[in-house]
């Protein structure tokens, strides 16, 4: 029995133990002596999503998407942190986001947090504290000219043993043409100690960082030169991978960003690579392979490159089976990956496809990899198959398991008002099993209303790759900028989302969230 003061919640905070605390002024309690009494609404099990990347300046920006695929309201407290673990100096930091049931929001970091706009780059990371475990998030990095765009998932997963399954970098008197930048974040309240090893394809340690320490909220960021080759006048890593082990503490989160640079030092294109864990499986899925593309329909032909890393202590025999879309019979390639070593190969060399540089007919498909023992992980890059400095490129980690639900936390499919830019949003849905399945697709607008739904019927081992507005999917999604996609089935499936543009400058592949 209270007499309400009519006031809205006065403050929102995080307690030191990570609980979600919302202090609410409830007015005068009947029989009480205080003019205002308060109660605390506590979420004892918040979902904490760590976004390991925030980079903002007048020439570069990062966009974020948060979706609420549940029937409950969602409250998110977003903290923008610097590389030193301290809050960034913003006029709205932390920011409070309230999403209605089934709603989605997207934002730029500088706008949401009120960060200063200048040529000086702001760097850091974001922690999202959510009162519902249904919350999903991802991010994309780009520049003002729209020359490149890529990102990856933000999630609640941290790792103590992790890998970046490929890395490339060179440095010489004429500068670099490719760089790999690592982003490692300690999102916990206690210190983390760890080791990093940079290895060549033979598994030999090229360089290492030992006994690294990250205090709570701190980040380790740098290119391979910054981290491993600071004293080297020149080097060239055409292929390598990074292995990390936490020796003390709860774990780390992070990702890698690979940049291809033009002659003037400008960024030609980027692709992201998530931190990967060995999940002890013997079947890996490559959800997309693409090769070729005739002129003038394709500005560049496409190529696909595989990276496989054997994290185990024994040699692993692997069979890669490629099935082209619309075909039933796979093409196989067997390979042995010795313990600790890395296998790198282009798809056209593995599966009897024409060299993409000759501009053959465009082919797409998928690959299933079966291994003789657990320990194999990897990724696949697809993009420009013609130029040494690629025009566009993207990457997907090899999938280590199927699922029955997939959320994609953003839609960008149509013209951008006031510009000549047009985004295209594609979707791939795959049935890796031996029986036919049905997958339900639902596209939501930002306000939570449904744009449309579709039933996707897939025969055994069939894959569907279409634009989101295809007649087989949701035609009304054309022109939608914002919102999200949900896929569900009673049977296991695989899916990923693809963004590109009308100038063939951007290519971003996003796995299920």
Protein backbone atom coordinates (compact mmCIF):
# COMPACT_ATOMS: atom_id res chain seq x y z
CA UNK A 1 0.00 0.00 0.00
CA UNK A 2 1.94 3.01 -1.25
CA UNK A 3 1.27 6.55 -2.24
CA UNK A 4 3.18 6.92 -5.49
CA UNK A 5 5.31 9.98 -5.98
CA UNK A 6 4.75 9.61 -9.71
CA UNK A 7 8.47 9.60 -10.37
CA UNK A 8 10.17 7.37 -12.89
CA UNK A 9 13.16 5.24 -11.85
CA UNK A 10 15.87 7.49 -10.49
CA UNK A 11 18.98 5.54 -11.35
CA UNK A 12 20.23 2.40 -12.99
CA UNK A 13 23.47 0.77 -11.92
CA UNK A 14 25.50 -2.40 -11.80
CA UNK A 15 26.48 -3.78 -8.44
CA UNK A 16 30.08 -4.97 -7.98
CA UNK A 17 29.04 -8.61 -8.20
CA UNK A 18 27.58 -8.04 -11.67
CA UNK A 19 23.90 -8.06 -10.70
CA UNK A 20 21.43 -5.85 -12.49
CA UNK A 21 20.10 -3.29 -9.97
CA UNK A 22 17.33 -0.80 -10.66
CA UNK A 23 16.54 1.55 -7.75
CA UNK A 24 13.00 2.90 -7.95
CA UNK A 25 11.48 5.71 -5.88
CA UNK A 26 8.09 4.37 -4.83
CA UNK A 27 6.96 7.38 -2.82
CA UNK A 28 5.72 7.23 0.78
CA UNK A 29 5.08 3.80 2.20
CA UNK A 30 1.90 3.63 4.28
CA UNK A 31 2.75 4.19 7.92
CA UNK A 32 6.32 5.15 7.09
CA UNK A 33 8.16 8.17 8.40
CA UNK A 34 10.37 8.90 5.37
CA UNK A 35 9.08 11.16 2.62
CA UNK A 36 10.48 8.78 0.00
CA UNK A 37 11.19 5.07 0.27
CA UNK A 38 12.91 2.96 -2.35
CA UNK A 39 12.84 -0.62 -3.47
CA UNK A 40 15.45 -2.39 -5.58
CA UNK A 41 14.52 -4.62 -8.48
CA UNK A 42 17.39 -7.04 -8.91
CA UNK A 43 18.15 -9.35 -11.83
CA UNK A 44 20.34 -11.99 -10.23
CA UNK A 45 21.11 -13.70 -13.52
CA UNK A 46 21.76 -11.00 -16.13
CA UNK A 47 23.03 -11.79 -19.59
CA UNK A 48 26.29 -9.90 -20.07
CA UNK A 49 27.33 -9.44 -23.70
CA UNK A 50 30.88 -8.26 -24.34
CA UNK A 51 31.43 -6.39 -27.60
CA UNK A 52 35.22 -6.44 -28.08
CA UNK A 53 35.35 -3.54 -30.53
CA UNK A 54 34.61 0.18 -30.44
CA UNK A 55 36.34 2.44 -32.92
CA UNK A 56 35.03 5.87 -33.84
CA UNK A 57 36.38 8.99 -35.58
CA UNK A 58 35.35 11.42 -38.30
CA UNK A 59 36.48 8.88 -40.93
CA UNK A 60 35.47 5.58 -39.34
CA UNK A 61 32.45 4.29 -37.46
CA UNK A 62 31.07 1.13 -35.91
CA UNK A 63 27.40 0.18 -35.97
CA UNK A 64 25.74 -2.16 -33.48
CA UNK A 65 22.51 -4.13 -33.48
CA UNK A 66 20.62 -5.48 -30.48
CA UNK A 67 17.54 -7.66 -30.94
CA UNK A 68 14.95 -8.86 -28.46
CA UNK A 69 13.41 -12.04 -29.93
CA UNK A 70 11.26 -12.64 -26.87
CA UNK A 71 7.77 -11.70 -25.65
CA UNK A 72 9.20 -9.80 -22.67
CA UNK A 73 10.43 -6.19 -22.51
CA UNK A 74 14.22 -5.92 -22.59
CA UNK A 75 16.32 -3.41 -20.68
CA UNK A 76 19.99 -3.06 -21.59
CA UNK A 77 22.63 -1.00 -19.81
CA UNK A 78 25.42 -0.28 -22.30
CA UNK A 79 28.83 0.73 -20.93
CA UNK A 80 31.45 2.17 -23.30
CA UNK A 81 34.89 1.33 -21.92
CA UNK A 82 38.34 2.53 -22.92
CA UNK A 83 41.33 0.28 -23.46
CA UNK A 84 42.35 1.01 -19.86
CA UNK A 85 39.08 -0.36 -18.49
CA UNK A 86 37.75 3.07 -17.54
CA UNK A 87 34.48 4.50 -18.90
CA UNK A 88 34.92 6.60 -22.03
CA UNK A 89 34.22 10.29 -21.62
CA UNK A 90 30.74 10.48 -23.14
CA UNK A 91 27.71 12.57 -22.28
CA UNK A 92 25.50 9.44 -22.19
CA UNK A 93 27.69 6.72 -20.75
CA UNK A 94 26.30 4.34 -19.59
CA UNK A 95 23.36 4.42 -21.98
CA UNK A 96 20.01 2.85 -21.18
CA UNK A 97 18.18 1.00 -23.95
CA UNK A 98 14.64 -0.26 -23.55
CA UNK A 99 13.28 -2.62 -26.19
CA UNK A 100 9.67 -3.70 -26.48
CA UNK A 101 8.90 -7.40 -26.99
CA UNK A 102 10.20 -8.62 -30.39
CA UNK A 103 11.85 -5.25 -31.10
CA UNK A 104 15.31 -4.37 -32.40
CA UNK A 105 17.53 -1.31 -32.21
CA UNK A 106 20.67 -0.25 -34.05
CA UNK A 107 23.03 2.58 -33.25
CA UNK A 108 26.44 4.13 -33.83
CA UNK A 109 28.72 4.17 -30.81
CA UNK A 110 29.51 7.88 -30.89
CA UNK A 111 25.83 8.82 -31.13
CA UNK A 112 24.56 6.48 -28.42
CA UNK A 113 27.21 7.36 -25.85
CA UNK A 114 27.65 11.03 -26.76
CA UNK A 115 31.32 10.55 -27.61
CA UNK A 116 33.26 13.55 -28.96
CA UNK A 117 33.51 13.68 -32.76
CA UNK A 118 37.04 14.42 -33.92
CA UNK A 119 39.81 13.16 -36.15
CA UNK A 120 41.36 11.55 -33.06
CA UNK A 121 40.27 7.94 -32.98
CA UNK A 122 38.30 6.71 -29.97
CA UNK A 123 38.99 3.05 -29.18
CA UNK A 124 37.62 0.66 -26.63
CA UNK A 125 34.89 -1.92 -26.12
CA UNK A 126 31.29 -2.17 -24.95
CA UNK A 127 29.64 -4.24 -22.24
CA UNK A 128 25.90 -4.84 -22.48
CA UNK A 129 24.11 -5.91 -19.30
CA UNK A 130 20.69 -7.33 -20.17
CA UNK A 131 17.81 -8.42 -17.96
CA UNK A 132 16.80 -11.22 -20.35
CA UNK A 133 18.93 -14.01 -21.83
CA UNK A 134 17.07 -13.68 -25.15
CA UNK A 135 19.13 -10.57 -26.03
CA UNK A 136 21.34 -10.83 -29.13
CA UNK A 137 23.92 -8.44 -30.57
CA UNK A 138 26.51 -7.95 -33.33
CA UNK A 139 28.60 -5.14 -34.83
CA UNK A 140 29.90 -3.88 -38.20
CA UNK A 141 32.83 -1.53 -38.85
CA UNK A 142 33.01 0.76 -41.89
CA UNK A 143 34.23 4.16 -43.07
CA UNK A 144 32.44 7.25 -44.27
CA UNK A 145 33.13 6.48 -47.94
CA UNK A 146 31.66 2.99 -47.74
CA UNK A 147 34.89 1.39 -48.96
CA UNK A 148 34.62 -1.60 -46.64
CA UNK A 149 32.39 -3.17 -44.02
CA UNK A 150 32.63 -6.21 -41.78
CA UNK A 151 32.16 -7.31 -38.20
CA UNK A 152 31.08 -10.30 -36.21
CA UNK A 153 28.95 -11.46 -33.30
CA UNK A 154 29.02 -10.08 -29.80
CA UNK A 155 28.19 -12.72 -27.22
CA UNK A 156 28.50 -13.91 -23.64
CA UNK A 157 31.25 -16.46 -24.41
CA UNK A 158 34.77 -16.17 -23.01
CA UNK A 159 37.62 -18.63 -23.51
CA UNK A 160 40.69 -19.85 -21.67
CA UNK A 161 42.09 -21.77 -24.66
CA UNK A 162 41.50 -20.10 -28.01
CA UNK A 163 42.72 -19.68 -31.58
CA UNK A 164 42.68 -17.23 -34.45
CA UNK A 165 42.75 -19.75 -37.27
CA UNK A 166 44.53 -17.54 -39.80
CA UNK A 167 46.71 -14.45 -39.72
CA UNK A 168 48.52 -12.54 -42.46
CA UNK A 169 50.83 -9.57 -42.30
CA UNK A 170 53.81 -8.11 -44.12
CA UNK A 171 56.04 -5.16 -43.44
CA UNK A 172 58.94 -3.67 -45.41
CA UNK A 173 60.47 -0.48 -46.72
CA UNK A 174 57.35 0.16 -48.79
CA UNK A 175 54.96 -0.40 -45.91
CA UNK A 176 52.31 -3.09 -45.61
CA UNK A 177 49.73 -4.55 -47.96
CA UNK A 178 47.98 -6.69 -45.32
CA UNK A 179 47.68 -6.45 -41.53
CA UNK A 180 46.12 -8.58 -38.83
CA UNK A 181 45.02 -6.71 -35.72
CA UNK A 182 44.07 -8.63 -32.57
CA UNK A 183 41.53 -7.42 -30.00
CA UNK A 184 41.57 -9.20 -26.63
CA UNK A 185 39.39 -8.01 -23.73
CA UNK A 186 39.28 -9.01 -20.08
CA UNK A 187 35.61 -8.37 -19.23
CA UNK A 188 35.88 -9.65 -15.67
CA UNK A 189 36.44 -7.94 -12.32
CA UNK A 190 39.70 -9.78 -11.68
CA UNK A 191 43.06 -9.99 -13.41
CA UNK A 192 43.76 -12.40 -16.29
CA UNK A 193 47.19 -13.78 -17.26
CA UNK A 194 47.78 -15.46 -20.61
CA UNK A 195 50.28 -16.52 -23.28
CA UNK A 196 50.09 -16.00 -27.05
CA UNK A 197 51.97 -17.94 -29.73
CA UNK A 198 52.20 -17.04 -33.41
CA UNK A 199 52.77 -20.20 -35.45
CA UNK A 200 53.54 -20.92 -39.10
CA UNK A 201 51.67 -23.64 -41.06
CA UNK A 202 54.17 -26.25 -39.85
CA UNK A 203 53.21 -25.48 -36.26
CA UNK A 204 56.55 -23.87 -35.45
CA UNK A 205 56.39 -20.96 -33.04
CA UNK A 206 57.49 -17.82 -34.91
CA UNK A 207 57.06 -15.44 -32.00
CA UNK A 208 55.40 -15.46 -28.60
CA UNK A 209 54.16 -13.27 -25.78
CA UNK A 210 54.33 -14.87 -22.35
CA UNK A 211 52.97 -13.90 -18.97
CA UNK A 212 50.77 -11.15 -20.41
CA UNK A 213 48.55 -9.46 -17.83
CA UNK A 214 45.23 -7.74 -18.40
CA UNK A 215 43.65 -6.04 -15.42
CA UNK A 216 39.85 -5.94 -15.18
CA UNK A 217 38.32 -4.20 -18.19
CA UNK A 218 41.65 -3.74 -19.98
CA UNK A 219 42.34 -4.70 -23.60
CA UNK A 220 45.32 -5.89 -25.61
CA UNK A 221 45.15 -4.49 -29.13
CA UNK A 222 47.70 -4.36 -31.93
CA UNK A 223 48.82 -5.62 -35.30
CA UNK A 224 51.16 -8.58 -35.52
CA UNK A 225 54.00 -6.10 -35.97
CA UNK A 226 52.92 -4.18 -32.86
CA UNK A 227 52.67 -7.32 -30.77
CA UNK A 228 55.31 -9.70 -32.12
CA UNK A 229 57.67 -7.88 -34.51
CA UNK A 230 58.17 -4.44 -33.02
CA UNK A 231 61.95 -4.64 -33.52
CA UNK A 232 61.89 -6.28 -36.94
CA UNK A 233 62.67 -4.05 -39.97
CA UNK A 234 60.86 -6.38 -42.40
CA UNK A 235 58.88 -9.61 -42.43
CA UNK A 236 56.29 -11.43 -44.55
CA UNK A 237 53.72 -13.83 -43.12
CA UNK A 238 51.70 -15.28 -45.98
CA UNK A 239 50.03 -17.77 -43.65
CA UNK A 240 50.05 -18.23 -39.89
CA UNK A 241 47.74 -18.75 -36.92
CA UNK A 242 47.59 -17.57 -33.30
CA UNK A 243 47.15 -19.80 -30.25
CA UNK A 244 46.28 -18.42 -26.82
CA UNK A 245 46.08 -19.92 -23.33
CA UNK A 246 44.86 -18.24 -20.15
CA UNK A 247 47.13 -19.31 -17.29
CA UNK A 248 45.30 -17.45 -14.52
CA UNK A 249 41.85 -15.89 -14.43
CA UNK A 250 38.38 -16.44 -15.83
CA UNK A 251 39.06 -15.99 -19.56
CA UNK A 252 39.15 -13.54 -22.44
CA UNK A 253 36.92 -12.48 -25.30
CA UNK A 254 38.01 -11.01 -28.63
CA UNK A 255 38.33 -11.19 -32.38
CA UNK A 256 40.79 -10.41 -35.18
CA UNK A 257 40.48 -7.85 -37.97
CA UNK A 258 42.40 -8.42 -41.23
CA UNK A 259 42.98 -5.31 -43.37
CA UNK A 260 44.16 -5.18 -46.98
CA UNK A 261 45.87 -1.90 -47.81
CA UNK A 262 46.18 -0.05 -51.11
CA UNK A 263 49.35 1.56 -52.48
CA UNK A 264 48.58 4.81 -50.67
CA UNK A 265 48.11 3.03 -47.34
CA UNK A 266 44.33 3.26 -47.54
CA UNK A 267 42.15 0.37 -46.40
CA UNK A 268 40.88 -1.48 -49.48
CA UNK A 269 38.83 -4.09 -47.64
CA UNK A 270 38.59 -5.84 -44.27
CA UNK A 271 37.32 -9.08 -42.87
CA UNK A 272 36.73 -10.21 -39.30
CA UNK A 273 37.70 -13.48 -37.70
CA UNK A 274 36.16 -14.52 -34.36
CA UNK A 275 38.11 -16.09 -31.54
CA UNK A 276 37.61 -19.84 -31.96
CA UNK A 277 37.56 -22.67 -29.43
CA UNK A 278 38.04 -26.38 -30.09
CA UNK A 279 34.64 -27.91 -29.27
CA UNK A 280 35.85 -31.52 -29.60
CA UNK A 281 33.88 -32.46 -32.72
CA UNK A 282 34.70 -34.57 -35.77
CA UNK A 283 32.38 -32.86 -38.27
CA UNK A 284 32.83 -29.29 -39.48
CA UNK A 285 30.55 -27.35 -41.80
CA UNK A 286 31.59 -24.74 -44.34
CA UNK A 287 28.28 -22.94 -44.97
CA UNK A 288 29.37 -21.16 -48.16
CA UNK A 289 31.72 -21.71 -51.08
CA UNK A 290 31.80 -19.49 -54.13
CA UNK A 291 33.97 -19.61 -57.26
CA UNK A 292 34.15 -17.65 -60.52
CA UNK A 293 31.88 -15.04 -62.04
CA UNK A 294 31.80 -13.76 -65.59
CA UNK A 295 32.24 -10.11 -66.60
CA UNK A 296 30.42 -7.78 -66.70
CA UNK A 297 27.87 -9.33 -64.34
CA UNK A 298 30.57 -9.63 -61.65
CA UNK A 299 32.99 -6.79 -61.01
CA UNK A 300 35.48 -9.40 -59.76
CA UNK A 301 35.40 -13.21 -59.87
CA UNK A 302 35.10 -14.96 -56.51
CA UNK A 303 37.53 -17.31 -54.81
CA UNK A 304 37.25 -19.38 -51.61
CA UNK A 305 40.18 -20.31 -49.37
CA UNK A 306 40.23 -22.86 -46.54
CA UNK A 307 42.27 -22.74 -43.33
CA UNK A 308 42.32 -25.88 -41.15
CA UNK A 309 44.26 -26.04 -37.87
CA UNK A 310 44.92 -29.28 -35.99
CA UNK A 311 44.84 -28.39 -32.28
CA UNK A 312 45.36 -31.98 -31.13
CA UNK A 313 48.49 -33.97 -30.40
CA UNK A 314 47.89 -36.51 -33.20
CA UNK A 315 47.67 -36.44 -36.97
CA UNK A 316 44.12 -36.09 -38.31
CA UNK A 317 42.76 -37.43 -41.60
CA UNK A 318 40.05 -35.20 -43.04
CA UNK A 319 37.70 -35.54 -46.00
CA UNK A 320 36.23 -32.38 -47.53
CA UNK A 321 33.01 -32.94 -49.52
CA UNK A 322 31.86 -30.09 -51.76
CA UNK A 323 28.28 -30.06 -53.06
CA UNK A 324 27.42 -27.37 -55.59
CA UNK A 325 23.98 -25.77 -55.24
CA UNK A 326 21.52 -27.67 -57.41
CA UNK A 327 23.73 -30.77 -57.53
CA UNK A 328 23.37 -34.02 -55.62
CA UNK A 329 26.79 -35.67 -55.97
CA UNK A 330 29.64 -34.19 -53.91
CA UNK A 331 33.26 -33.82 -55.00
CA UNK A 332 35.69 -35.13 -52.37
CA UNK A 333 39.22 -34.20 -51.35
CA UNK A 334 41.18 -36.04 -48.65
CA UNK A 335 43.96 -34.40 -46.65
CA UNK A 336 46.14 -35.23 -43.66
CA UNK A 337 46.81 -32.45 -41.15
CA UNK A 338 49.66 -33.36 -38.78
CA UNK A 339 49.49 -32.44 -35.09
CA UNK A 340 49.77 -28.70 -34.54
CA UNK A 341 49.93 -27.89 -38.23
CA UNK A 342 47.81 -25.73 -40.52
CA UNK A 343 46.37 -26.63 -43.93
CA UNK A 344 45.75 -23.80 -46.43
CA UNK A 345 44.22 -24.31 -49.89
CA UNK A 346 41.99 -22.63 -52.46
CA UNK A 347 38.70 -24.35 -53.22
CA UNK A 348 39.28 -24.51 -56.96
CA UNK A 349 42.44 -26.57 -56.40
CA UNK A 350 40.63 -28.94 -54.03
CA UNK A 351 37.43 -29.60 -55.96
CA UNK A 352 38.37 -29.57 -59.66
CA UNK A 353 36.93 -26.10 -60.26
CA UNK A 354 38.29 -23.64 -62.85
CA UNK A 355 40.78 -20.99 -61.73
CA UNK A 356 38.58 -18.01 -60.77
CA UNK A 357 41.05 -15.63 -62.42
CA UNK A 358 39.93 -17.05 -65.81
CA UNK A 359 36.40 -15.83 -65.03
CA UNK A 360 34.53 -19.13 -65.29
CA UNK A 361 30.81 -19.47 -64.63
CA UNK A 362 29.73 -18.54 -61.11
CA UNK A 363 29.34 -21.53 -58.78
CA UNK A 364 28.17 -21.65 -55.16
CA UNK A 365 27.78 -24.48 -52.71
CA UNK A 366 28.78 -25.87 -49.32
CA UNK A 367 31.38 -28.20 -47.83
CA UNK A 368 31.13 -30.81 -45.07
CA UNK A 369 34.42 -31.86 -43.43
CA UNK A 370 34.67 -35.14 -41.56
CA UNK A 371 37.74 -35.80 -39.42
CA UNK A 372 39.24 -39.00 -38.05
CA UNK A 373 39.54 -37.48 -34.57
CA UNK A 374 38.51 -34.33 -32.69
CA UNK A 375 40.77 -31.29 -32.72
CA UNK A 376 40.28 -29.82 -36.19
CA UNK A 377 39.05 -26.20 -36.39
CA UNK A 378 39.24 -23.57 -39.10
CA UNK A 379 37.67 -20.92 -41.27
CA UNK A 380 36.88 -20.08 -44.85
CA UNK A 381 37.49 -16.80 -46.72
CA UNK A 382 35.52 -15.91 -49.82
CA UNK A 383 35.93 -12.82 -51.97
CA UNK A 384 37.99 -11.31 -54.77
CA UNK A 385 39.72 -14.06 -56.74
CA UNK A 386 41.56 -11.74 -59.13
CA UNK A 387 43.51 -8.99 -57.36
CA UNK A 388 46.47 -9.28 -54.98
CA UNK A 389 44.87 -6.52 -52.90
CA UNK A 390 41.25 -7.74 -52.92
CA UNK A 391 38.36 -5.45 -53.71
CA UNK A 392 36.13 -7.26 -51.20
CA UNK A 393 36.47 -10.22 -48.87
CA UNK A 394 34.69 -11.87 -45.96
CA UNK A 395 35.20 -14.79 -43.62
CA UNK A 396 33.23 -17.41 -41.70
CA UNK A 397 34.51 -19.72 -39.01
CA UNK A 398 33.85 -23.37 -39.77
CA UNK A 399 30.72 -24.37 -37.87
CA UNK A 400 31.23 -27.00 -35.18
CA UNK A 401 27.58 -28.03 -34.74
CA UNK A 402 24.03 -27.68 -36.02
CA UNK A 403 21.13 -25.98 -34.21
CA UNK A 404 17.34 -25.62 -34.29
CA UNK A 405 17.11 -21.82 -33.94
CA UNK A 406 19.10 -18.96 -35.45
CA UNK A 407 18.78 -15.21 -34.85
CA UNK A 408 20.34 -12.58 -37.13
CA UNK A 409 20.27 -9.25 -35.34
CA UNK A 410 20.05 -6.84 -38.28
CA UNK A 411 18.37 -6.33 -41.64
CA UNK A 412 19.84 -4.02 -44.32
CA UNK A 413 18.12 -4.60 -47.64
CA UNK A 414 17.39 -1.63 -49.87
CA UNK A 415 18.42 1.93 -50.80
CA UNK A 416 19.83 4.31 -48.20
CA UNK A 417 17.92 7.59 -48.30
CA UNK A 418 19.83 10.57 -49.68
CA UNK A 419 22.64 8.44 -51.15
CA UNK A 420 23.30 6.18 -54.13
CA UNK A 421 24.11 3.31 -51.77
CA UNK A 422 21.97 0.17 -51.89
CA UNK A 423 22.41 -2.68 -49.43
CA UNK A 424 21.61 -6.27 -50.33
CA UNK A 425 20.80 -8.76 -47.58
CA UNK A 426 21.16 -12.44 -48.42
CA UNK A 427 20.38 -15.55 -46.41
CA UNK A 428 21.67 -19.10 -46.64
CA UNK A 429 19.75 -21.98 -45.04
CA UNK A 430 21.16 -25.50 -45.20
CA UNK A 431 19.87 -28.97 -44.34
CA UNK A 432 22.94 -31.13 -43.59
CA UNK A 433 20.85 -34.15 -42.62
CA UNK A 434 19.52 -37.25 -44.36
CA UNK A 435 15.81 -36.36 -44.02
CA UNK A 436 13.75 -33.48 -45.41
CA UNK A 437 13.13 -30.58 -43.02
CA UNK A 438 11.04 -27.41 -42.81
CA UNK A 439 12.50 -24.18 -41.46
CA UNK A 440 10.28 -21.25 -40.49
CA UNK A 441 11.64 -17.81 -41.39
CA UNK A 442 10.28 -14.65 -39.73
CA UNK A 443 11.47 -11.11 -40.46
CA UNK A 444 10.74 -8.48 -37.81
CA UNK A 445 10.74 -4.70 -38.08
CA UNK A 446 12.45 -2.59 -35.42
CA UNK A 447 9.16 -1.99 -33.60
CA UNK A 448 8.57 -5.73 -33.22
CA UNK A 449 5.92 -6.09 -35.91
CA UNK A 450 6.33 -8.83 -38.50
CA UNK A 451 7.42 -7.94 -42.01
CA UNK A 452 6.52 -11.44 -43.11
CA UNK A 453 7.10 -15.16 -42.70
CA UNK A 454 7.99 -18.05 -44.96
CA UNK A 455 8.31 -21.81 -44.77
CA UNK A 456 11.56 -23.13 -46.24
CA UNK A 457 11.35 -26.78 -47.26
CA UNK A 458 14.71 -28.44 -47.74
CA UNK A 459 15.32 -31.91 -49.05
CA UNK A 460 18.21 -33.95 -47.55
CA UNK A 461 21.53 -32.05 -47.88
CA UNK A 462 19.84 -29.23 -49.81
CA UNK A 463 20.80 -25.58 -49.36
CA UNK A 464 18.83 -22.44 -50.20
CA UNK A 465 20.73 -19.21 -50.94
CA UNK A 466 18.54 -16.20 -51.73
CA UNK A 467 18.10 -12.50 -51.17
CA UNK A 468 15.80 -11.83 -48.23
CA UNK A 469 13.15 -10.35 -50.56
CA UNK A 470 13.15 -13.35 -52.89
CA UNK A 471 9.63 -14.67 -53.66
CA UNK A 472 10.53 -17.84 -51.75
CA UNK A 473 11.34 -15.80 -48.63
CA UNK A 474 9.86 -12.42 -47.57
CA UNK A 475 9.30 -10.07 -50.56
CA UNK A 476 8.14 -7.21 -48.29
CA UNK A 477 11.60 -7.04 -46.70
CA UNK A 478 12.88 -4.98 -49.66
CA UNK A 479 13.57 -1.46 -48.46
CA UNK A 480 13.91 -2.50 -44.81
CA UNK A 481 16.86 -0.99 -42.93
CA UNK A 482 16.73 -2.25 -39.36
CA UNK A 483 15.01 -5.18 -37.72
CA UNK A 484 16.13 -8.79 -37.46
CA UNK A 485 15.56 -12.35 -38.68
CA UNK A 486 14.61 -15.51 -36.78
CA UNK A 487 14.83 -19.05 -38.17
CA UNK A 488 13.45 -22.07 -36.37
CA UNK A 489 12.93 -25.76 -37.02
CA UNK A 490 12.27 -28.97 -35.15
CA UNK A 491 15.21 -30.47 -37.05
CA UNK A 492 18.89 -29.38 -37.09
CA UNK A 493 19.96 -26.90 -39.77
CA UNK A 494 22.65 -24.33 -40.58
CA UNK A 495 22.34 -20.70 -41.69
CA UNK A 496 24.24 -17.47 -42.16
CA UNK A 497 23.48 -13.92 -43.28
CA UNK A 498 25.29 -11.95 -45.98
CA UNK A 499 25.47 -8.20 -46.61
CA UNK A 500 26.83 -6.57 -49.76
CA UNK A 501 26.23 -3.38 -51.73
CA UNK A 502 25.58 -2.12 -55.26
CA UNK A 503 29.22 -1.05 -55.78
CA UNK A 504 30.69 -4.45 -54.80
CA UNK A 505 32.87 -2.77 -52.16
CA UNK A 506 31.37 -4.39 -49.08
CA UNK A 507 30.99 -8.05 -48.19
CA UNK A 508 30.07 -9.16 -44.69
CA UNK A 509 29.12 -12.68 -43.61
CA UNK A 510 27.44 -13.00 -40.21
CA UNK A 511 26.93 -16.39 -38.49
CA UNK A 512 23.85 -17.17 -36.45
CA UNK A 513 23.60 -15.24 -33.19
